[in-house]
Amino acid sequence: MLADDEIARGREDFSSNMAAYCAAFDAIAADPNNTLYVWDHEGTAMGCLQLTFIPGMSYHGSWIAKVEGVRVDRSLRGLGIGEQMMEAMIAKSRARGCKQLQLTTDKRRVDAQRFYARLGFDASHEGMKINLI
């Protein structure tokens, strides 16, 4: 699912770089502030994401939750799976005492932006990145 669209296809490479993915998985699994979630139905993966809790100095030293790598199987989109996933992450973030839950989405993902706005996410900040590779 990580490479199942035109944007991600250009950056993901499972054919020659599996060791890097395995190392990332191991690092996430070893970190109590990181969790990978997979939604499944009868053993078939329907969606996945990563939830990270970040300690911060802003907002009186509040914790911030961050969601990354949100994917829903292309053939199952529109069935409410993504909404269930995000509602679960909002609940987990609240239970952890986080001040906010943040995420980024590529500016070209117009449907994703509409989806997140419908769930109450606000495009309140302009995100910036620099590629280091």
N, C-alpha and C. Protein backbone atom coordinates (compact mmCIF):
# COMPACT_ATOMS: atom_id res chain seq x y z
N MET A 1 0.82 -1.20 0.00
CA MET A 1 0.00 0.00 0.00
C MET A 1 0.86 1.26 0.00
N LEU A 2 2.07 1.18 0.55
CA LEU A 2 2.92 2.38 0.62
C LEU A 2 3.27 2.93 -0.76
N ALA A 3 3.30 2.08 -1.76
CA ALA A 3 3.68 2.52 -3.11
C ALA A 3 2.52 2.46 -4.08
N ASP A 4 1.29 2.44 -3.58
CA ASP A 4 0.12 2.23 -4.43
C ASP A 4 -0.49 3.53 -4.94
N ASP A 5 0.32 4.48 -5.31
CA ASP A 5 -0.18 5.64 -6.02
C ASP A 5 0.97 6.30 -6.77
N GLU A 6 0.61 7.21 -7.65
CA GLU A 6 1.60 7.83 -8.53
C GLU A 6 2.65 8.63 -7.78
N ILE A 7 2.32 9.20 -6.66
CA ILE A 7 3.28 10.00 -5.90
C ILE A 7 4.29 9.10 -5.19
N ALA A 8 3.79 8.11 -4.47
CA ALA A 8 4.67 7.24 -3.68
C ALA A 8 5.47 6.27 -4.55
N ARG A 9 4.92 5.90 -5.69
CA ARG A 9 5.61 4.95 -6.57
C ARG A 9 7.02 5.43 -6.93
N GLY A 10 7.19 6.73 -7.03
CA GLY A 10 8.49 7.27 -7.39
C GLY A 10 9.51 7.29 -6.26
N ARG A 11 9.07 7.09 -5.02
CA ARG A 11 10.02 7.17 -3.91
C ARG A 11 10.21 5.85 -3.17
N GLU A 12 9.28 4.91 -3.32
CA GLU A 12 9.39 3.62 -2.63
C GLU A 12 10.03 2.60 -3.56
N ASP A 13 10.89 1.74 -3.00
CA ASP A 13 11.56 0.71 -3.80
C ASP A 13 11.75 -0.53 -2.94
N PHE A 14 10.80 -1.44 -3.05
CA PHE A 14 10.85 -2.66 -2.25
C PHE A 14 11.73 -3.73 -2.88
N SER A 15 12.04 -3.59 -4.15
CA SER A 15 12.80 -4.63 -4.85
C SER A 15 14.25 -4.71 -4.42
N SER A 16 14.87 -3.59 -4.13
CA SER A 16 16.30 -3.62 -3.81
C SER A 16 16.64 -3.07 -2.43
N ASN A 17 15.64 -2.62 -1.68
CA ASN A 17 15.94 -1.90 -0.44
C ASN A 17 15.20 -2.46 0.77
N MET A 18 14.89 -3.74 0.77
CA MET A 18 14.12 -4.33 1.87
C MET A 18 14.83 -4.21 3.21
N ALA A 19 16.15 -4.25 3.23
CA ALA A 19 16.89 -4.16 4.49
C ALA A 19 16.59 -2.83 5.19
N ALA A 20 16.47 -1.76 4.43
CA ALA A 20 16.17 -0.45 5.02
C ALA A 20 14.77 -0.43 5.60
N TYR A 21 13.80 -1.03 4.92
CA TYR A 21 12.44 -1.11 5.44
C TYR A 21 12.39 -1.95 6.72
N CYS A 22 13.12 -3.05 6.72
CA CYS A 22 13.16 -3.92 7.91
C CYS A 22 13.81 -3.20 9.09
N ALA A 23 14.87 -2.45 8.84
CA ALA A 23 15.54 -1.69 9.90
C ALA A 23 14.60 -0.61 10.45
N ALA A 24 13.86 0.05 9.57
CA ALA A 24 12.90 1.06 10.01
C ALA A 24 11.80 0.42 10.85
N PHE A 25 11.31 -0.72 10.41
CA PHE A 25 10.28 -1.44 11.17
C PHE A 25 10.80 -1.78 12.56
N ASP A 26 12.02 -2.31 12.64
CA ASP A 26 12.60 -2.68 13.93
C ASP A 26 12.75 -1.46 14.84
N ALA A 27 13.18 -0.33 14.29
CA ALA A 27 13.36 0.89 15.08
C ALA A 27 12.01 1.39 15.60
N ILE A 28 10.99 1.35 14.76
CA ILE A 28 9.66 1.78 15.19
C ILE A 28 9.14 0.85 16.28
N ALA A 29 9.30 -0.46 16.08
CA ALA A 29 8.81 -1.44 17.06
C ALA A 29 9.51 -1.29 18.41
N ALA A 30 10.75 -0.85 18.40
CA ALA A 30 11.52 -0.71 19.64
C ALA A 30 11.25 0.60 20.38
N ASP A 31 10.59 1.55 19.74
CA ASP A 31 10.36 2.87 20.31
C ASP A 31 8.95 2.94 20.90
N PRO A 32 8.82 3.14 22.21
CA PRO A 32 7.49 3.17 22.83
C PRO A 32 6.62 4.34 22.37
N ASN A 33 7.21 5.32 21.72
CA ASN A 33 6.45 6.47 21.22
C ASN A 33 6.05 6.32 19.76
N ASN A 34 6.31 5.16 19.17
CA ASN A 34 5.98 4.89 17.78
C ASN A 34 5.20 3.59 17.68
N THR A 35 4.17 3.59 16.85
CA THR A 35 3.42 2.36 16.61
C THR A 35 2.97 2.34 15.16
N LEU A 36 3.12 1.18 14.54
CA LEU A 36 2.55 0.94 13.22
C LEU A 36 1.22 0.21 13.42
N TYR A 37 0.20 0.67 12.75
CA TYR A 37 -1.12 0.04 12.83
C TYR A 37 -1.51 -0.49 11.47
N VAL A 38 -2.10 -1.67 11.47
CA VAL A 38 -2.64 -2.26 10.25
C VAL A 38 -4.09 -2.64 10.53
N TRP A 39 -5.01 -2.17 9.69
CA TRP A 39 -6.41 -2.54 9.79
C TRP A 39 -6.60 -3.72 8.87
N ASP A 40 -7.19 -4.78 9.41
CA ASP A 40 -7.39 -5.95 8.57
C ASP A 40 -8.80 -6.50 8.73
N HIS A 41 -9.19 -7.24 7.75
CA HIS A 41 -10.46 -7.96 7.76
C HIS A 41 -10.18 -9.38 7.32
N GLU A 42 -10.36 -10.32 8.25
CA GLU A 42 -10.13 -11.74 7.98
C GLU A 42 -8.75 -11.99 7.40
N GLY A 43 -7.75 -11.30 7.96
CA GLY A 43 -6.37 -11.52 7.55
C GLY A 43 -5.90 -10.73 6.34
N THR A 44 -6.76 -9.91 5.78
CA THR A 44 -6.38 -9.09 4.63
C THR A 44 -6.19 -7.65 5.08
N ALA A 45 -5.02 -7.09 4.81
CA ALA A 45 -4.74 -5.71 5.20
C ALA A 45 -5.60 -4.76 4.37
N MET A 46 -6.31 -3.86 5.06
CA MET A 46 -7.17 -2.88 4.42
C MET A 46 -6.57 -1.48 4.47
N GLY A 47 -5.77 -1.22 5.52
CA GLY A 47 -5.19 0.10 5.69
C GLY A 47 -4.06 0.05 6.69
N CYS A 48 -3.24 1.08 6.68
CA CYS A 48 -2.11 1.15 7.62
C CYS A 48 -1.74 2.60 7.87
N LEU A 49 -1.02 2.81 8.96
CA LEU A 49 -0.48 4.13 9.28
C LEU A 49 0.52 4.00 10.42
N GLN A 50 1.25 5.05 10.65
CA GLN A 50 2.19 5.14 11.77
C GLN A 50 1.75 6.29 12.67
N LEU A 51 1.70 6.03 13.97
CA LEU A 51 1.38 7.06 14.96
C LEU A 51 2.60 7.27 15.84
N THR A 52 3.04 8.51 15.95
CA THR A 52 4.21 8.87 16.76
C THR A 52 3.81 9.92 17.77
N PHE A 53 4.25 9.72 19.01
CA PHE A 53 4.04 10.71 20.07
C PHE A 53 5.35 11.47 20.26
N ILE A 54 5.27 12.81 20.22
CA ILE A 54 6.45 13.66 20.25
C ILE A 54 6.36 14.59 21.47
N PRO A 55 7.35 14.51 22.37
CA PRO A 55 7.35 15.47 23.47
C PRO A 55 7.75 16.85 22.92
N GLY A 56 7.14 17.89 23.46
CA GLY A 56 7.44 19.22 22.94
C GLY A 56 7.55 20.26 24.03
N MET A 57 8.21 21.33 23.73
CA MET A 57 8.34 22.45 24.65
C MET A 57 7.17 23.43 24.50
N SER A 58 6.61 23.51 23.30
CA SER A 58 5.48 24.42 23.07
C SER A 58 4.24 23.93 23.78
N TYR A 59 3.27 24.81 23.88
CA TYR A 59 2.00 24.48 24.55
C TYR A 59 2.25 23.95 25.97
N HIS A 60 3.14 24.62 26.68
CA HIS A 60 3.42 24.27 28.08
C HIS A 60 4.00 22.86 28.23
N GLY A 61 4.85 22.48 27.29
CA GLY A 61 5.48 21.16 27.37
C GLY A 61 4.56 20.02 26.98
N SER A 62 3.61 20.29 26.12
CA SER A 62 2.63 19.27 25.73
C SER A 62 3.19 18.26 24.74
N TRP A 63 2.59 17.09 24.77
CA TRP A 63 2.88 16.07 23.78
C TRP A 63 2.06 16.34 22.53
N ILE A 64 2.64 16.01 21.38
CA ILE A 64 1.98 16.15 20.09
C ILE A 64 1.95 14.76 19.45
N ALA A 65 0.85 14.42 18.84
CA ALA A 65 0.76 13.17 18.09
C ALA A 65 0.92 13.49 16.61
N LYS A 66 1.59 12.60 15.89
CA LYS A 66 1.80 12.78 14.45
C LYS A 66 1.46 11.49 13.74
N VAL A 67 0.68 11.60 12.68
CA VAL A 67 0.31 10.46 11.86
C VAL A 67 1.08 10.55 10.55
N GLU A 68 1.64 9.43 10.13
CA GLU A 68 2.40 9.35 8.88
C GLU A 68 1.99 8.10 8.12
N GLY A 69 2.23 8.11 6.83
CA GLY A 69 2.08 6.91 6.01
C GLY A 69 0.67 6.33 6.00
N VAL A 70 -0.33 7.19 5.99
CA VAL A 70 -1.72 6.72 5.98
C VAL A 70 -2.04 6.16 4.60
N ARG A 71 -2.49 4.92 4.58
CA ARG A 71 -2.86 4.28 3.32
C ARG A 71 -4.10 3.42 3.54
N VAL A 72 -4.98 3.40 2.56
CA VAL A 72 -6.12 2.49 2.52
C VAL A 72 -6.04 1.79 1.17
N ASP A 73 -6.25 0.48 1.19
CA ASP A 73 -6.22 -0.29 -0.04
C ASP A 73 -7.10 0.39 -1.09
N ARG A 74 -6.54 0.60 -2.26
CA ARG A 74 -7.23 1.33 -3.33
C ARG A 74 -8.62 0.76 -3.61
N SER A 75 -8.76 -0.54 -3.58
CA SER A 75 -10.04 -1.17 -3.93
C SER A 75 -11.08 -1.01 -2.81
N LEU A 76 -10.66 -0.53 -1.63
CA LEU A 76 -11.57 -0.42 -0.50
C LEU A 76 -11.85 1.03 -0.09
N ARG A 77 -11.35 1.98 -0.86
CA ARG A 77 -11.57 3.37 -0.51
C ARG A 77 -13.04 3.73 -0.66
N GLY A 78 -13.50 4.63 0.19
CA GLY A 78 -14.89 5.06 0.16
C GLY A 78 -15.80 4.24 1.07
N LEU A 79 -15.22 3.27 1.79
CA LEU A 79 -16.02 2.41 2.68
C LEU A 79 -15.95 2.85 4.14
N GLY A 80 -15.25 3.95 4.42
CA GLY A 80 -15.17 4.45 5.79
C GLY A 80 -13.97 3.93 6.58
N ILE A 81 -13.10 3.15 5.94
CA ILE A 81 -11.94 2.58 6.64
C ILE A 81 -11.00 3.70 7.11
N GLY A 82 -10.70 4.63 6.23
CA GLY A 82 -9.82 5.74 6.59
C GLY A 82 -10.38 6.55 7.74
N GLU A 83 -11.67 6.78 7.73
CA GLU A 83 -12.30 7.53 8.82
C GLU A 83 -12.18 6.76 10.13
N GLN A 84 -12.42 5.45 10.11
CA GLN A 84 -12.27 4.64 11.31
C GLN A 84 -10.83 4.68 11.82
N MET A 85 -9.88 4.62 10.91
CA MET A 85 -8.47 4.67 11.29
C MET A 85 -8.15 5.98 11.99
N MET A 86 -8.58 7.09 11.39
CA MET A 86 -8.25 8.39 11.96
C MET A 86 -8.99 8.63 13.27
N GLU A 87 -10.24 8.18 13.37
CA GLU A 87 -10.96 8.32 14.63
C GLU A 87 -10.25 7.55 15.75
N ALA A 88 -9.73 6.38 15.43
CA ALA A 88 -8.98 5.60 16.42
C ALA A 88 -7.71 6.33 16.84
N MET A 89 -7.02 6.98 15.90
CA MET A 89 -5.79 7.69 16.23
C MET A 89 -6.08 8.95 17.05
N ILE A 90 -7.19 9.61 16.74
CA ILE A 90 -7.60 10.77 17.54
C ILE A 90 -7.87 10.32 18.98
N ALA A 91 -8.57 9.22 19.14
CA ALA A 91 -8.88 8.70 20.49
C ALA A 91 -7.60 8.30 21.22
N LYS A 92 -6.67 7.64 20.55
CA LYS A 92 -5.41 7.25 21.18
C LYS A 92 -4.60 8.48 21.58
N SER A 93 -4.62 9.51 20.75
CA SER A 93 -3.88 10.74 21.04
C SER A 93 -4.48 11.47 22.23
N ARG A 94 -5.79 11.53 22.28
CA ARG A 94 -6.45 12.14 23.43
C ARG A 94 -6.14 11.36 24.70
N ALA A 95 -6.22 10.05 24.62
CA ALA A 95 -5.95 9.21 25.80
C ALA A 95 -4.52 9.39 26.28
N ARG A 96 -3.61 9.69 25.39
CA ARG A 96 -2.20 9.91 25.75
C ARG A 96 -1.98 11.32 26.29
N GLY A 97 -2.99 12.18 26.21
CA GLY A 97 -2.89 13.54 26.72
C GLY A 97 -2.25 14.51 25.75
N CYS A 98 -2.26 14.19 24.48
CA CYS A 98 -1.65 15.07 23.48
C CYS A 98 -2.48 16.33 23.28
N LYS A 99 -1.79 17.43 23.05
CA LYS A 99 -2.44 18.72 22.80
C LYS A 99 -3.05 18.76 21.40
N GLN A 100 -2.41 18.09 20.44
CA GLN A 100 -2.93 18.08 19.08
C GLN A 100 -2.41 16.86 18.32
N LEU A 101 -3.11 16.56 17.26
CA LEU A 101 -2.71 15.51 16.33
C LEU A 101 -2.43 16.20 15.01
N GLN A 102 -1.26 15.98 14.48
CA GLN A 102 -0.91 16.63 13.22
C GLN A 102 -0.53 15.60 12.18
N LEU A 103 -0.61 16.02 10.93
CA LEU A 103 -0.19 15.18 9.82
C LEU A 103 0.17 16.09 8.66
N THR A 104 0.87 15.53 7.73
CA THR A 104 1.12 16.24 6.48
C THR A 104 0.57 15.39 5.35
N THR A 105 0.19 16.06 4.29
CA THR A 105 -0.22 15.36 3.08
C THR A 105 0.31 16.15 1.90
N ASP A 106 0.76 15.44 0.91
CA ASP A 106 1.32 16.07 -0.28
C ASP A 106 0.29 17.02 -0.88
N LYS A 107 0.73 18.18 -1.32
CA LYS A 107 -0.19 19.17 -1.88
C LYS A 107 -0.93 18.65 -3.10
N ARG A 108 -0.35 17.64 -3.76
CA ARG A 108 -1.02 17.06 -4.93
C ARG A 108 -2.14 16.10 -4.55
N ARG A 109 -2.25 15.73 -3.27
CA ARG A 109 -3.29 14.80 -2.81
C ARG A 109 -4.55 15.57 -2.42
N VAL A 110 -5.22 16.11 -3.41
CA VAL A 110 -6.39 16.95 -3.19
C VAL A 110 -7.51 16.17 -2.49
N ASP A 111 -7.74 14.92 -2.90
CA ASP A 111 -8.78 14.11 -2.25
C ASP A 111 -8.45 13.88 -0.78
N ALA A 112 -7.18 13.63 -0.47
CA ALA A 112 -6.78 13.42 0.92
C ALA A 112 -6.99 14.69 1.73
N GLN A 113 -6.69 15.83 1.16
CA GLN A 113 -6.89 17.10 1.87
C GLN A 113 -8.36 17.31 2.18
N ARG A 114 -9.22 17.00 1.22
CA ARG A 114 -10.66 17.12 1.45
C ARG A 114 -11.12 16.16 2.55
N PHE A 115 -10.58 14.93 2.52
CA PHE A 115 -10.91 13.92 3.52
C PHE A 115 -10.54 14.40 4.92
N TYR A 116 -9.30 14.87 5.09
CA TYR A 116 -8.87 15.33 6.41
C TYR A 116 -9.65 16.55 6.89
N ALA A 117 -9.97 17.45 5.99
CA ALA A 117 -10.76 18.63 6.37
C ALA A 117 -12.15 18.20 6.84
N ARG A 118 -12.73 17.21 6.19
CA ARG A 118 -14.05 16.70 6.59
C ARG A 118 -14.01 16.12 8.01
N LEU A 119 -12.85 15.58 8.40
CA LEU A 119 -12.70 15.02 9.74
C LEU A 119 -12.36 16.07 10.80
N GLY A 120 -12.19 17.32 10.38
CA GLY A 120 -11.93 18.39 11.33
C GLY A 120 -10.49 18.89 11.36
N PHE A 121 -9.63 18.34 10.51
CA PHE A 121 -8.26 18.83 10.45
C PHE A 121 -8.25 20.18 9.74
N ASP A 122 -7.41 21.07 10.22
CA ASP A 122 -7.33 22.43 9.71
C ASP A 122 -5.95 22.64 9.09
N ALA A 123 -5.92 23.13 7.88
CA ALA A 123 -4.65 23.43 7.21
C ALA A 123 -4.11 24.75 7.77
N SER A 124 -3.72 24.73 9.05
CA SER A 124 -3.36 25.95 9.77
C SER A 124 -1.91 26.38 9.57
N HIS A 125 -1.07 25.46 9.09
CA HIS A 125 0.35 25.77 8.94
C HIS A 125 0.81 25.41 7.53
N GLU A 126 1.83 26.07 7.09
CA GLU A 126 2.48 25.72 5.84
C GLU A 126 3.69 24.86 6.17
N GLY A 127 3.67 23.62 5.77
CA GLY A 127 4.79 22.71 6.05
C GLY A 127 5.89 22.87 5.01
N MET A 128 7.11 22.69 5.46
CA MET A 128 8.26 22.77 4.56
C MET A 128 9.18 21.60 4.84
N LYS A 129 9.80 21.08 3.80
CA LYS A 129 10.71 19.95 3.92
C LYS A 129 11.93 20.20 3.05
N ILE A 130 13.00 19.53 3.41
CA ILE A 130 14.19 19.53 2.57
C ILE A 130 14.62 18.07 2.42
N ASN A 131 14.83 17.65 1.20
CA ASN A 131 15.29 16.30 0.96
C ASN A 131 16.78 16.21 1.27
N LEU A 132 17.17 15.23 2.04
CA LEU A 132 18.56 15.09 2.47
C LEU A 132 19.29 13.96 1.74
N ILE A 133 18.62 13.35 0.79
CA ILE A 133 19.26 12.26 0.04
C ILE A 133 19.53 12.71 -1.37
